[in-house]
Amino acid sequence: MQNTSAILLAAGLSRRMGRQDKLLLEYKGKPLLWHAVQLLASLPCREKILVTSPQRLESIALPCGVKAVINHTPQDGQSKSLRLGLEAATGDRYLFLNADQPRLRLSALAPMFELAAQHTEKIIYPVVDGNPCTPVLFPARFRAALFSQTNDTGGRAVRAANPEACLTFDAENPQNFMDVDSLEDYRVLCASDL
């Protein structure tokens, strides 16, 4: 993964959470964003890029080796953050992570790294209960296609348009890949650790 740029997308508006900023909600005494940034910092990647809003950046101390890129117009959708991350990336592959998976740990991504070592030109991502989820690893040959995305499509459309280029792995512990999209998801997350 030495030639991989890890890009953490953390500038979204959290529309499904009402007025609350979901990435500042606490899990185990720390904001969800803190957990995501710690995972980013632990990755064995060439560079680690956090794409976020100015307000969120003020709420967290960045670990050494993590570069921040500010998205001043998050209302433009996830594709804007994706493009900002790509503009800052210098690697041959791009690992996109979302900031709303607070249980995700480096160990859960071991199968992805093993596949990536053997299949450098494939799009690689985990599957939970038959459904694709994040993180997603893209080789550089998809850079232009990723740049062309608009609104909130992100990399999903690129993945869907290139099924022959995709490799998946079944998540061993699906709960580690749980994302927090709503207040109910957040309640389930907190209750599951009691």
N, C-alpha and C. Protein backbone atom coordinates (compact mmCIF):
# COMPACT_ATOMS: atom_id res chain seq x y z
N MET A 1 0.83 -1.21 0.00
CA MET A 1 0.00 0.00 0.00
C MET A 1 0.87 1.27 0.00
N GLN A 2 2.16 1.08 -0.26
CA GLN A 2 3.08 2.23 -0.21
C GLN A 2 2.77 3.30 -1.24
N ASN A 3 2.17 2.93 -2.37
CA ASN A 3 1.86 3.92 -3.40
C ASN A 3 0.41 4.35 -3.36
N THR A 4 -0.24 4.12 -2.24
CA THR A 4 -1.67 4.43 -2.11
C THR A 4 -1.87 5.73 -1.34
N SER A 5 -2.78 6.55 -1.85
CA SER A 5 -3.21 7.75 -1.14
C SER A 5 -4.52 7.42 -0.44
N ALA A 6 -4.56 7.54 0.87
CA ALA A 6 -5.78 7.32 1.65
C ALA A 6 -6.49 8.66 1.80
N ILE A 7 -7.77 8.70 1.43
CA ILE A 7 -8.53 9.94 1.43
C ILE A 7 -9.78 9.75 2.29
N LEU A 8 -9.84 10.46 3.39
CA LEU A 8 -10.98 10.40 4.30
C LEU A 8 -11.95 11.54 3.97
N LEU A 9 -13.16 11.17 3.55
CA LEU A 9 -14.17 12.15 3.19
C LEU A 9 -14.99 12.51 4.42
N ALA A 10 -14.84 13.74 4.90
CA ALA A 10 -15.49 14.15 6.15
C ALA A 10 -16.01 15.58 6.06
N ALA A 11 -16.62 15.91 4.92
CA ALA A 11 -17.14 17.26 4.74
C ALA A 11 -18.65 17.29 4.51
N GLY A 12 -19.30 16.14 4.55
CA GLY A 12 -20.73 16.07 4.24
C GLY A 12 -21.59 16.87 5.21
N LEU A 13 -22.81 17.15 4.78
CA LEU A 13 -23.71 17.99 5.56
C LEU A 13 -24.57 17.22 6.56
N SER A 14 -24.49 15.91 6.58
CA SER A 14 -25.25 15.09 7.54
C SER A 14 -26.74 15.41 7.48
N ARG A 15 -27.29 15.51 6.29
CA ARG A 15 -28.68 15.92 6.12
C ARG A 15 -29.67 15.01 6.85
N ARG A 16 -29.37 13.72 6.92
CA ARG A 16 -30.31 12.78 7.56
C ARG A 16 -30.28 12.86 9.09
N MET A 17 -29.38 13.67 9.62
CA MET A 17 -29.26 13.79 11.08
C MET A 17 -29.97 15.02 11.62
N GLY A 18 -30.72 15.70 10.78
CA GLY A 18 -31.39 16.91 11.25
C GLY A 18 -30.38 18.03 11.41
N ARG A 19 -30.45 18.71 12.55
CA ARG A 19 -29.57 19.87 12.78
C ARG A 19 -28.24 19.48 13.41
N GLN A 20 -28.08 18.23 13.79
CA GLN A 20 -26.85 17.81 14.46
C GLN A 20 -25.76 17.49 13.46
N ASP A 21 -24.53 17.81 13.81
CA ASP A 21 -23.38 17.40 13.02
C ASP A 21 -22.98 16.02 13.50
N LYS A 22 -23.29 15.00 12.71
CA LYS A 22 -23.08 13.64 13.18
C LYS A 22 -21.62 13.34 13.47
N LEU A 23 -20.69 13.95 12.76
CA LEU A 23 -19.29 13.64 12.98
C LEU A 23 -18.75 14.20 14.29
N LEU A 24 -19.54 15.07 14.93
CA LEU A 24 -19.14 15.58 16.23
C LEU A 24 -19.87 14.88 17.38
N LEU A 25 -20.76 13.95 17.05
CA LEU A 25 -21.40 13.12 18.09
C LEU A 25 -20.35 12.21 18.71
N GLU A 26 -20.50 11.94 20.00
CA GLU A 26 -19.48 11.15 20.69
C GLU A 26 -19.78 9.66 20.68
N TYR A 27 -18.72 8.91 20.52
CA TYR A 27 -18.74 7.45 20.63
C TYR A 27 -17.52 7.07 21.46
N LYS A 28 -17.77 6.40 22.57
CA LYS A 28 -16.68 6.04 23.51
C LYS A 28 -15.89 7.27 23.94
N GLY A 29 -16.61 8.37 24.15
CA GLY A 29 -15.99 9.57 24.70
C GLY A 29 -15.28 10.47 23.70
N LYS A 30 -15.31 10.10 22.43
CA LYS A 30 -14.64 10.90 21.39
C LYS A 30 -15.59 11.11 20.21
N PRO A 31 -15.45 12.21 19.49
CA PRO A 31 -16.30 12.44 18.31
C PRO A 31 -16.08 11.36 17.24
N LEU A 32 -17.11 11.09 16.47
CA LEU A 32 -16.98 10.12 15.38
C LEU A 32 -15.81 10.50 14.47
N LEU A 33 -15.65 11.80 14.23
CA LEU A 33 -14.55 12.25 13.38
C LEU A 33 -13.19 11.85 13.95
N TRP A 34 -13.03 11.92 15.24
CA TRP A 34 -11.76 11.52 15.88
C TRP A 34 -11.44 10.07 15.56
N HIS A 35 -12.43 9.19 15.69
CA HIS A 35 -12.21 7.76 15.40
C HIS A 35 -11.76 7.57 13.96
N ALA A 36 -12.40 8.29 13.03
CA ALA A 36 -12.06 8.16 11.61
C ALA A 36 -10.64 8.65 11.33
N VAL A 37 -10.27 9.75 11.95
CA VAL A 37 -8.93 10.30 11.73
C VAL A 37 -7.86 9.38 12.33
N GLN A 38 -8.16 8.75 13.46
CA GLN A 38 -7.20 7.79 14.04
C GLN A 38 -6.99 6.60 13.11
N LEU A 39 -8.07 6.11 12.49
CA LEU A 39 -7.93 5.02 11.51
C LEU A 39 -7.09 5.49 10.34
N LEU A 40 -7.38 6.67 9.82
CA LEU A 40 -6.61 7.22 8.70
C LEU A 40 -5.12 7.26 9.04
N ALA A 41 -4.81 7.75 10.23
CA ALA A 41 -3.40 7.87 10.64
C ALA A 41 -2.72 6.52 10.75
N SER A 42 -3.47 5.45 11.02
CA SER A 42 -2.88 4.13 11.21
C SER A 42 -2.65 3.37 9.91
N LEU A 43 -3.17 3.86 8.81
CA LEU A 43 -3.09 3.12 7.55
C LEU A 43 -1.66 3.10 7.00
N PRO A 44 -1.25 1.95 6.43
CA PRO A 44 0.10 1.84 5.85
C PRO A 44 0.13 2.39 4.43
N CYS A 45 -0.21 3.66 4.29
CA CYS A 45 -0.34 4.29 2.97
C CYS A 45 0.71 5.38 2.78
N ARG A 46 0.95 5.71 1.53
CA ARG A 46 1.93 6.73 1.16
C ARG A 46 1.60 8.08 1.77
N GLU A 47 0.32 8.45 1.69
CA GLU A 47 -0.12 9.72 2.26
C GLU A 47 -1.53 9.57 2.78
N LYS A 48 -1.86 10.45 3.72
CA LYS A 48 -3.16 10.39 4.39
C LYS A 48 -3.78 11.78 4.33
N ILE A 49 -4.94 11.85 3.67
CA ILE A 49 -5.57 13.13 3.38
C ILE A 49 -6.97 13.16 4.00
N LEU A 50 -7.23 14.20 4.77
CA LEU A 50 -8.55 14.43 5.35
C LEU A 50 -9.20 15.57 4.60
N VAL A 51 -10.36 15.32 3.99
CA VAL A 51 -11.14 16.37 3.33
C VAL A 51 -12.30 16.70 4.26
N THR A 52 -12.32 17.93 4.75
CA THR A 52 -13.33 18.29 5.75
C THR A 52 -13.69 19.77 5.66
N SER A 53 -14.61 20.18 6.51
CA SER A 53 -15.03 21.58 6.56
C SER A 53 -14.14 22.35 7.55
N PRO A 54 -14.10 23.68 7.45
CA PRO A 54 -13.29 24.45 8.40
C PRO A 54 -13.73 24.24 9.84
N GLN A 55 -15.05 24.16 10.07
CA GLN A 55 -15.57 23.99 11.43
C GLN A 55 -15.14 22.66 12.03
N ARG A 56 -15.21 21.60 11.25
CA ARG A 56 -14.80 20.29 11.77
C ARG A 56 -13.30 20.22 12.01
N LEU A 57 -12.54 20.86 11.15
CA LEU A 57 -11.09 20.85 11.34
C LEU A 57 -10.71 21.52 12.65
N GLU A 58 -11.45 22.56 13.03
CA GLU A 58 -11.18 23.26 14.28
C GLU A 58 -11.46 22.37 15.50
N SER A 59 -12.29 21.34 15.32
CA SER A 59 -12.72 20.53 16.46
C SER A 59 -11.79 19.36 16.76
N ILE A 60 -10.73 19.19 15.97
CA ILE A 60 -9.89 18.00 16.14
C ILE A 60 -8.42 18.34 15.91
N ALA A 61 -7.57 17.66 16.66
CA ALA A 61 -6.13 17.80 16.45
C ALA A 61 -5.70 16.72 15.46
N LEU A 62 -5.00 17.12 14.42
CA LEU A 62 -4.57 16.16 13.41
C LEU A 62 -3.31 15.43 13.85
N PRO A 63 -3.31 14.10 13.73
CA PRO A 63 -2.09 13.35 14.02
C PRO A 63 -1.00 13.69 13.01
N CYS A 64 0.21 13.45 13.37
CA CYS A 64 1.35 13.67 12.48
C CYS A 64 1.15 12.83 11.22
N GLY A 65 1.42 13.43 10.07
CA GLY A 65 1.33 12.70 8.82
C GLY A 65 -0.01 12.80 8.12
N VAL A 66 -0.99 13.42 8.75
CA VAL A 66 -2.31 13.61 8.13
C VAL A 66 -2.40 15.03 7.60
N LYS A 67 -2.71 15.14 6.31
CA LYS A 67 -2.84 16.44 5.64
C LYS A 67 -4.31 16.78 5.53
N ALA A 68 -4.67 18.02 5.86
CA ALA A 68 -6.05 18.46 5.76
C ALA A 68 -6.27 19.26 4.48
N VAL A 69 -7.39 18.99 3.83
CA VAL A 69 -7.84 19.74 2.66
C VAL A 69 -9.23 20.25 3.01
N ILE A 70 -9.45 21.55 2.84
CA ILE A 70 -10.73 22.15 3.23
C ILE A 70 -11.71 22.17 2.05
N ASN A 71 -12.91 21.70 2.32
CA ASN A 71 -14.01 21.81 1.36
C ASN A 71 -14.90 22.96 1.85
N HIS A 72 -14.84 24.07 1.15
CA HIS A 72 -15.62 25.25 1.54
C HIS A 72 -17.05 25.21 1.01
N THR A 73 -17.34 24.25 0.12
CA THR A 73 -18.69 24.15 -0.45
C THR A 73 -19.21 22.71 -0.36
N PRO A 74 -19.41 22.20 0.86
CA PRO A 74 -19.88 20.81 0.99
C PRO A 74 -21.28 20.60 0.40
N GLN A 75 -22.02 21.68 0.22
CA GLN A 75 -23.35 21.55 -0.38
C GLN A 75 -23.28 21.07 -1.83
N ASP A 76 -22.10 21.09 -2.42
CA ASP A 76 -21.93 20.60 -3.78
C ASP A 76 -21.93 19.08 -3.86
N GLY A 77 -22.00 18.41 -2.71
CA GLY A 77 -22.09 16.96 -2.70
C GLY A 77 -20.75 16.26 -2.48
N GLN A 78 -20.84 14.94 -2.29
CA GLN A 78 -19.66 14.14 -1.99
C GLN A 78 -18.62 14.20 -3.11
N SER A 79 -19.09 14.36 -4.34
CA SER A 79 -18.15 14.38 -5.46
C SER A 79 -17.17 15.55 -5.35
N LYS A 80 -17.58 16.66 -4.74
CA LYS A 80 -16.66 17.80 -4.55
C LYS A 80 -15.52 17.40 -3.62
N SER A 81 -15.84 16.73 -2.52
CA SER A 81 -14.80 16.27 -1.60
C SER A 81 -13.90 15.24 -2.26
N LEU A 82 -14.51 14.37 -3.06
CA LEU A 82 -13.74 13.36 -3.77
C LEU A 82 -12.71 14.02 -4.70
N ARG A 83 -13.15 15.04 -5.44
CA ARG A 83 -12.23 15.74 -6.36
C ARG A 83 -11.13 16.47 -5.60
N LEU A 84 -11.48 17.12 -4.48
CA LEU A 84 -10.46 17.80 -3.67
C LEU A 84 -9.42 16.82 -3.15
N GLY A 85 -9.88 15.66 -2.71
CA GLY A 85 -8.95 14.63 -2.25
C GLY A 85 -8.04 14.15 -3.36
N LEU A 86 -8.61 13.92 -4.54
CA LEU A 86 -7.80 13.48 -5.68
C LEU A 86 -6.78 14.53 -6.10
N GLU A 87 -7.17 15.79 -6.05
CA GLU A 87 -6.24 16.86 -6.41
C GLU A 87 -5.02 16.87 -5.49
N ALA A 88 -5.21 16.50 -4.24
CA ALA A 88 -4.11 16.48 -3.28
C ALA A 88 -3.32 15.18 -3.31
N ALA A 89 -3.86 14.15 -3.95
CA ALA A 89 -3.25 12.82 -3.92
C ALA A 89 -2.14 12.66 -4.95
N THR A 90 -1.08 11.98 -4.55
CA THR A 90 0.04 11.73 -5.45
C THR A 90 0.30 10.24 -5.66
N GLY A 91 -0.53 9.39 -5.09
CA GLY A 91 -0.32 7.95 -5.19
C GLY A 91 -0.81 7.35 -6.50
N ASP A 92 -0.56 6.05 -6.65
CA ASP A 92 -1.01 5.30 -7.83
C ASP A 92 -2.39 4.69 -7.61
N ARG A 93 -2.83 4.67 -6.36
CA ARG A 93 -4.15 4.15 -6.02
C ARG A 93 -4.75 5.08 -4.96
N TYR A 94 -6.10 5.02 -4.86
CA TYR A 94 -6.80 5.93 -3.97
C TYR A 94 -7.76 5.12 -3.10
N LEU A 95 -7.52 5.16 -1.82
CA LEU A 95 -8.38 4.48 -0.85
C LEU A 95 -9.31 5.52 -0.24
N PHE A 96 -10.60 5.42 -0.57
CA PHE A 96 -11.58 6.37 -0.05
C PHE A 96 -12.28 5.79 1.16
N LEU A 97 -12.26 6.56 2.25
CA LEU A 97 -12.92 6.18 3.48
C LEU A 97 -13.97 7.22 3.83
N ASN A 98 -15.01 6.78 4.53
CA ASN A 98 -16.01 7.70 5.05
C ASN A 98 -15.77 7.87 6.55
N ALA A 99 -16.18 9.01 7.07
CA ALA A 99 -15.91 9.32 8.47
C ALA A 99 -16.99 8.84 9.43
N ASP A 100 -17.97 8.11 8.92
CA ASP A 100 -19.08 7.70 9.79
C ASP A 100 -19.09 6.20 10.09
N GLN A 101 -17.89 5.59 10.13
CA GLN A 101 -17.74 4.17 10.49
C GLN A 101 -16.82 4.06 11.71
N PRO A 102 -17.29 4.46 12.88
CA PRO A 102 -16.40 4.56 14.05
C PRO A 102 -15.85 3.23 14.56
N ARG A 103 -16.43 2.11 14.17
CA ARG A 103 -15.91 0.81 14.62
C ARG A 103 -14.86 0.23 13.68
N LEU A 104 -14.66 0.84 12.55
CA LEU A 104 -13.72 0.31 11.58
C LEU A 104 -12.29 0.45 12.09
N ARG A 105 -11.54 -0.66 12.00
CA ARG A 105 -10.15 -0.69 12.46
C ARG A 105 -9.25 -1.21 11.35
N LEU A 106 -7.99 -0.96 11.48
CA LEU A 106 -7.01 -1.40 10.50
C LEU A 106 -7.10 -2.90 10.25
N SER A 107 -7.27 -3.68 11.29
CA SER A 107 -7.30 -5.14 11.14
C SER A 107 -8.44 -5.61 10.23
N ALA A 108 -9.56 -4.89 10.21
CA ALA A 108 -10.69 -5.27 9.36
C ALA A 108 -10.39 -5.07 7.88
N LEU A 109 -9.36 -4.27 7.59
CA LEU A 109 -9.02 -3.98 6.20
C LEU A 109 -7.91 -4.88 5.66
N ALA A 110 -7.43 -5.82 6.48
CA ALA A 110 -6.36 -6.72 6.04
C ALA A 110 -6.70 -7.45 4.74
N PRO A 111 -7.94 -7.98 4.59
CA PRO A 111 -8.25 -8.65 3.31
C PRO A 111 -8.14 -7.72 2.10
N MET A 112 -8.49 -6.46 2.29
CA MET A 112 -8.38 -5.49 1.19
C MET A 112 -6.92 -5.31 0.80
N PHE A 113 -6.05 -5.17 1.79
CA PHE A 113 -4.63 -4.97 1.51
C PHE A 113 -4.02 -6.19 0.83
N GLU A 114 -4.46 -7.39 1.23
CA GLU A 114 -3.95 -8.63 0.61
C GLU A 114 -4.38 -8.69 -0.86
N LEU A 115 -5.64 -8.38 -1.13
CA LEU A 115 -6.12 -8.37 -2.53
C LEU A 115 -5.40 -7.30 -3.34
N ALA A 116 -5.18 -6.14 -2.74
CA ALA A 116 -4.53 -5.04 -3.44
C ALA A 116 -3.10 -5.39 -3.84
N ALA A 117 -2.42 -6.17 -3.03
CA ALA A 117 -1.05 -6.57 -3.34
C ALA A 117 -1.00 -7.47 -4.57
N GLN A 118 -2.05 -8.24 -4.79
CA GLN A 118 -2.08 -9.20 -5.91
C GLN A 118 -2.78 -8.65 -7.15
N HIS A 119 -3.65 -7.65 -6.97
CA HIS A 119 -4.49 -7.15 -8.06
C HIS A 119 -4.42 -5.62 -8.10
N THR A 120 -3.35 -5.10 -8.64
CA THR A 120 -3.10 -3.66 -8.57
C THR A 120 -4.03 -2.83 -9.46
N GLU A 121 -4.70 -3.44 -10.41
CA GLU A 121 -5.55 -2.70 -11.34
C GLU A 121 -7.04 -2.88 -11.05
N LYS A 122 -7.38 -3.44 -9.90
CA LYS A 122 -8.77 -3.71 -9.57
C LYS A 122 -9.34 -2.68 -8.59
N ILE A 123 -10.64 -2.48 -8.67
CA ILE A 123 -11.38 -1.72 -7.67
C ILE A 123 -11.74 -2.72 -6.57
N ILE A 124 -11.38 -2.41 -5.34
CA ILE A 124 -11.56 -3.38 -4.25
C ILE A 124 -12.38 -2.76 -3.13
N TYR A 125 -13.37 -3.54 -2.63
CA TYR A 125 -14.21 -3.04 -1.54
C TYR A 125 -14.85 -4.21 -0.80
N PRO A 126 -15.26 -3.96 0.45
CA PRO A 126 -15.92 -5.00 1.24
C PRO A 126 -17.40 -5.12 0.89
N VAL A 127 -17.94 -6.29 1.22
CA VAL A 127 -19.36 -6.57 1.05
C VAL A 127 -19.91 -7.03 2.39
N VAL A 128 -21.05 -6.46 2.78
CA VAL A 128 -21.73 -6.84 4.02
C VAL A 128 -23.14 -7.28 3.65
N ASP A 129 -23.46 -8.53 3.98
CA ASP A 129 -24.78 -9.08 3.65
C ASP A 129 -25.12 -8.91 2.18
N GLY A 130 -24.14 -9.10 1.32
CA GLY A 130 -24.35 -9.01 -0.12
C GLY A 130 -24.35 -7.59 -0.68
N ASN A 131 -24.18 -6.59 0.17
CA ASN A 131 -24.21 -5.19 -0.26
C ASN A 131 -22.82 -4.56 -0.20
N PRO A 132 -22.45 -3.81 -1.23
CA PRO A 132 -21.15 -3.13 -1.20
C PRO A 132 -21.12 -2.05 -0.13
N CYS A 133 -19.95 -1.86 0.46
CA CYS A 133 -19.80 -0.78 1.44
C CYS A 133 -18.40 -0.17 1.30
N THR A 134 -18.10 0.75 2.16
CA THR A 134 -16.80 1.41 2.13
C THR A 134 -15.91 0.83 3.22
N PRO A 135 -14.60 1.05 3.06
CA PRO A 135 -13.84 1.85 2.11
C PRO A 135 -13.76 1.19 0.73
N VAL A 136 -13.35 2.00 -0.26
CA VAL A 136 -13.18 1.52 -1.63
C VAL A 136 -11.82 1.96 -2.13
N LEU A 137 -11.11 1.01 -2.76
CA LEU A 137 -9.79 1.27 -3.31
C LEU A 137 -9.88 1.31 -4.83
N PHE A 138 -9.44 2.43 -5.43
CA PHE A 138 -9.46 2.60 -6.88
C PHE A 138 -8.03 2.71 -7.41
N PRO A 139 -7.72 2.02 -8.50
CA PRO A 139 -6.42 2.25 -9.15
C PRO A 139 -6.45 3.57 -9.94
N ALA A 140 -5.27 4.07 -10.27
CA ALA A 140 -5.15 5.38 -10.92
C ALA A 140 -5.84 5.44 -12.27
N ARG A 141 -6.06 4.30 -12.93
CA ARG A 141 -6.70 4.34 -14.25
C ARG A 141 -8.13 4.85 -14.19
N PHE A 142 -8.70 4.93 -12.98
CA PHE A 142 -10.06 5.45 -12.83
C PHE A 142 -10.08 6.91 -12.35
N ARG A 143 -8.92 7.53 -12.29
CA ARG A 143 -8.85 8.91 -11.78
C ARG A 143 -9.75 9.86 -12.57
N ALA A 144 -9.68 9.82 -13.90
CA ALA A 144 -10.48 10.73 -14.72
C ALA A 144 -11.97 10.47 -14.51
N ALA A 145 -12.36 9.21 -14.43
CA ALA A 145 -13.77 8.88 -14.20
C ALA A 145 -14.23 9.39 -12.84
N LEU A 146 -13.39 9.28 -11.83
CA LEU A 146 -13.74 9.78 -10.50
C LEU A 146 -13.88 11.29 -10.52
N PHE A 147 -12.99 11.97 -11.23
CA PHE A 147 -13.05 13.42 -11.33
C PHE A 147 -14.34 13.89 -12.00
N SER A 148 -14.89 13.07 -12.88
CA SER A 148 -16.07 13.49 -13.65
C SER A 148 -17.39 13.34 -12.88
N GLN A 149 -17.35 12.79 -11.68
CA GLN A 149 -18.58 12.58 -10.91
C GLN A 149 -19.13 13.91 -10.38
N THR A 150 -20.45 13.93 -10.22
CA THR A 150 -21.11 15.14 -9.73
C THR A 150 -22.05 14.79 -8.58
N ASN A 151 -22.46 15.82 -7.85
CA ASN A 151 -23.42 15.69 -6.75
C ASN A 151 -22.94 14.69 -5.70
N ASP A 152 -23.84 13.81 -5.25
CA ASP A 152 -23.51 12.87 -4.17
C ASP A 152 -23.18 11.46 -4.66
N THR A 153 -22.88 11.31 -5.94
CA THR A 153 -22.63 9.96 -6.45
C THR A 153 -21.29 9.41 -5.97
N GLY A 154 -20.31 10.26 -5.79
CA GLY A 154 -19.00 9.78 -5.35
C GLY A 154 -18.45 8.73 -6.30
N GLY A 155 -17.84 7.70 -5.75
CA GLY A 155 -17.25 6.65 -6.58
C GLY A 155 -18.20 5.51 -6.92
N ARG A 156 -19.42 5.54 -6.37
CA ARG A 156 -20.38 4.44 -6.63
C ARG A 156 -20.65 4.25 -8.11
N ALA A 157 -20.82 5.36 -8.83
CA ALA A 157 -21.14 5.27 -10.25
C ALA A 157 -19.98 4.67 -11.04
N VAL A 158 -18.76 4.99 -10.66
CA VAL A 158 -17.58 4.44 -11.33
C VAL A 158 -17.51 2.94 -11.08
N ARG A 159 -17.73 2.55 -9.86
CA ARG A 159 -17.73 1.13 -9.51
C ARG A 159 -18.83 0.39 -10.29
N ALA A 160 -20.02 0.96 -10.33
CA ALA A 160 -21.14 0.30 -11.00
C ALA A 160 -20.92 0.21 -12.51
N ALA A 161 -20.22 1.17 -13.09
CA ALA A 161 -19.98 1.17 -14.53
C ALA A 161 -18.85 0.23 -14.95
N ASN A 162 -18.12 -0.30 -13.97
CA ASN A 162 -16.96 -1.16 -14.28
C ASN A 162 -16.99 -2.45 -13.46
N PRO A 163 -18.06 -3.24 -13.56
CA PRO A 163 -18.15 -4.45 -12.73
C PRO A 163 -17.03 -5.45 -12.98
N GLU A 164 -16.52 -5.49 -14.21
CA GLU A 164 -15.44 -6.44 -14.53
C GLU A 164 -14.14 -6.08 -13.82
N ALA A 165 -14.03 -4.84 -13.36
CA ALA A 165 -12.80 -4.38 -12.69
C ALA A 165 -12.89 -4.50 -11.17
N CYS A 166 -14.02 -4.99 -10.67
CA CYS A 166 -14.24 -5.00 -9.22
C CYS A 166 -13.88 -6.34 -8.57
N LEU A 167 -13.26 -6.25 -7.41
CA LEU A 167 -13.00 -7.40 -6.55
C LEU A 167 -13.58 -7.08 -5.18
N THR A 168 -14.27 -8.03 -4.59
CA THR A 168 -14.86 -7.80 -3.28
C THR A 168 -14.36 -8.82 -2.28
N PHE A 169 -14.57 -8.52 -1.01
CA PHE A 169 -14.31 -9.49 0.05
C PHE A 169 -15.42 -9.37 1.08
N ASP A 170 -15.78 -10.50 1.66
CA ASP A 170 -16.82 -10.51 2.68
C ASP A 170 -16.23 -10.01 4.00
N ALA A 171 -16.89 -9.04 4.58
CA ALA A 171 -16.45 -8.51 5.88
C ALA A 171 -16.61 -9.59 6.94
N GLU A 172 -15.54 -9.91 7.66
CA GLU A 172 -15.60 -10.94 8.69
C GLU A 172 -16.51 -10.55 9.84
N ASN A 173 -16.44 -9.31 10.24
CA ASN A 173 -17.30 -8.79 11.31
C ASN A 173 -18.07 -7.60 10.76
N PRO A 174 -19.26 -7.87 10.20
CA PRO A 174 -20.02 -6.79 9.55
C PRO A 174 -20.26 -5.57 10.43
N GLN A 175 -20.38 -5.78 11.74
CA GLN A 175 -20.65 -4.63 12.62
C GLN A 175 -19.51 -3.61 12.59
N ASN A 176 -18.30 -4.05 12.24
CA ASN A 176 -17.17 -3.12 12.16
C ASN A 176 -17.32 -2.13 11.01
N PHE A 177 -18.15 -2.49 10.03
CA PHE A 177 -18.34 -1.64 8.87
C PHE A 177 -19.63 -0.81 8.95
N MET A 178 -20.29 -0.88 10.09
CA MET A 178 -21.54 -0.14 10.28
C MET A 178 -21.29 1.36 10.12
N ASP A 179 -22.14 2.01 9.33
CA ASP A 179 -22.02 3.46 9.21
C ASP A 179 -23.20 4.12 9.92
N VAL A 180 -22.98 5.34 10.35
CA VAL A 180 -23.97 6.09 11.10
C VAL A 180 -24.57 7.15 10.18
N ASP A 181 -25.77 6.86 9.68
CA ASP A 181 -26.43 7.78 8.75
C ASP A 181 -27.60 8.51 9.37
N SER A 182 -28.10 8.01 10.50
CA SER A 182 -29.29 8.60 11.11
C SER A 182 -29.16 8.56 12.63
N LEU A 183 -30.06 9.26 13.31
CA LEU A 183 -30.04 9.22 14.78
C LEU A 183 -30.31 7.82 15.28
N GLU A 184 -31.14 7.06 14.57
CA GLU A 184 -31.39 5.68 14.97
C GLU A 184 -30.13 4.84 14.85
N ASP A 185 -29.37 5.02 13.77
CA ASP A 185 -28.08 4.33 13.64
C ASP A 185 -27.16 4.67 14.82
N TYR A 186 -27.15 5.93 15.20
CA TYR A 186 -26.30 6.37 16.31
C TYR A 186 -26.74 5.72 17.62
N ARG A 187 -28.05 5.64 17.84
CA ARG A 187 -28.56 4.98 19.05
C ARG A 187 -28.17 3.50 19.08
N VAL A 188 -28.28 2.84 17.93
CA VAL A 188 -27.91 1.43 17.84
C VAL A 188 -26.42 1.27 18.12
N LEU A 189 -25.61 2.15 17.55
CA LEU A 189 -24.15 2.11 17.79
C LEU A 189 -23.84 2.21 19.27
N CYS A 190 -24.41 3.20 19.92
CA CYS A 190 -24.12 3.42 21.35
C CYS A 190 -24.67 2.30 22.22
N ALA A 191 -25.86 1.81 21.90
CA ALA A 191 -26.48 0.75 22.70
C ALA A 191 -25.75 -0.57 22.56
N SER A 192 -25.12 -0.80 21.41
CA SER A 192 -24.47 -2.09 21.18
C SER A 192 -23.21 -2.25 22.02
N ASP A 193 -22.69 -1.16 22.56
CA ASP A 193 -21.47 -1.25 23.37
C ASP A 193 -21.76 -1.21 24.87
N LEU A 194 -23.03 -1.29 25.24
CA LEU A 194 -23.37 -1.27 26.69
C LEU A 194 -23.17 -2.62 27.31
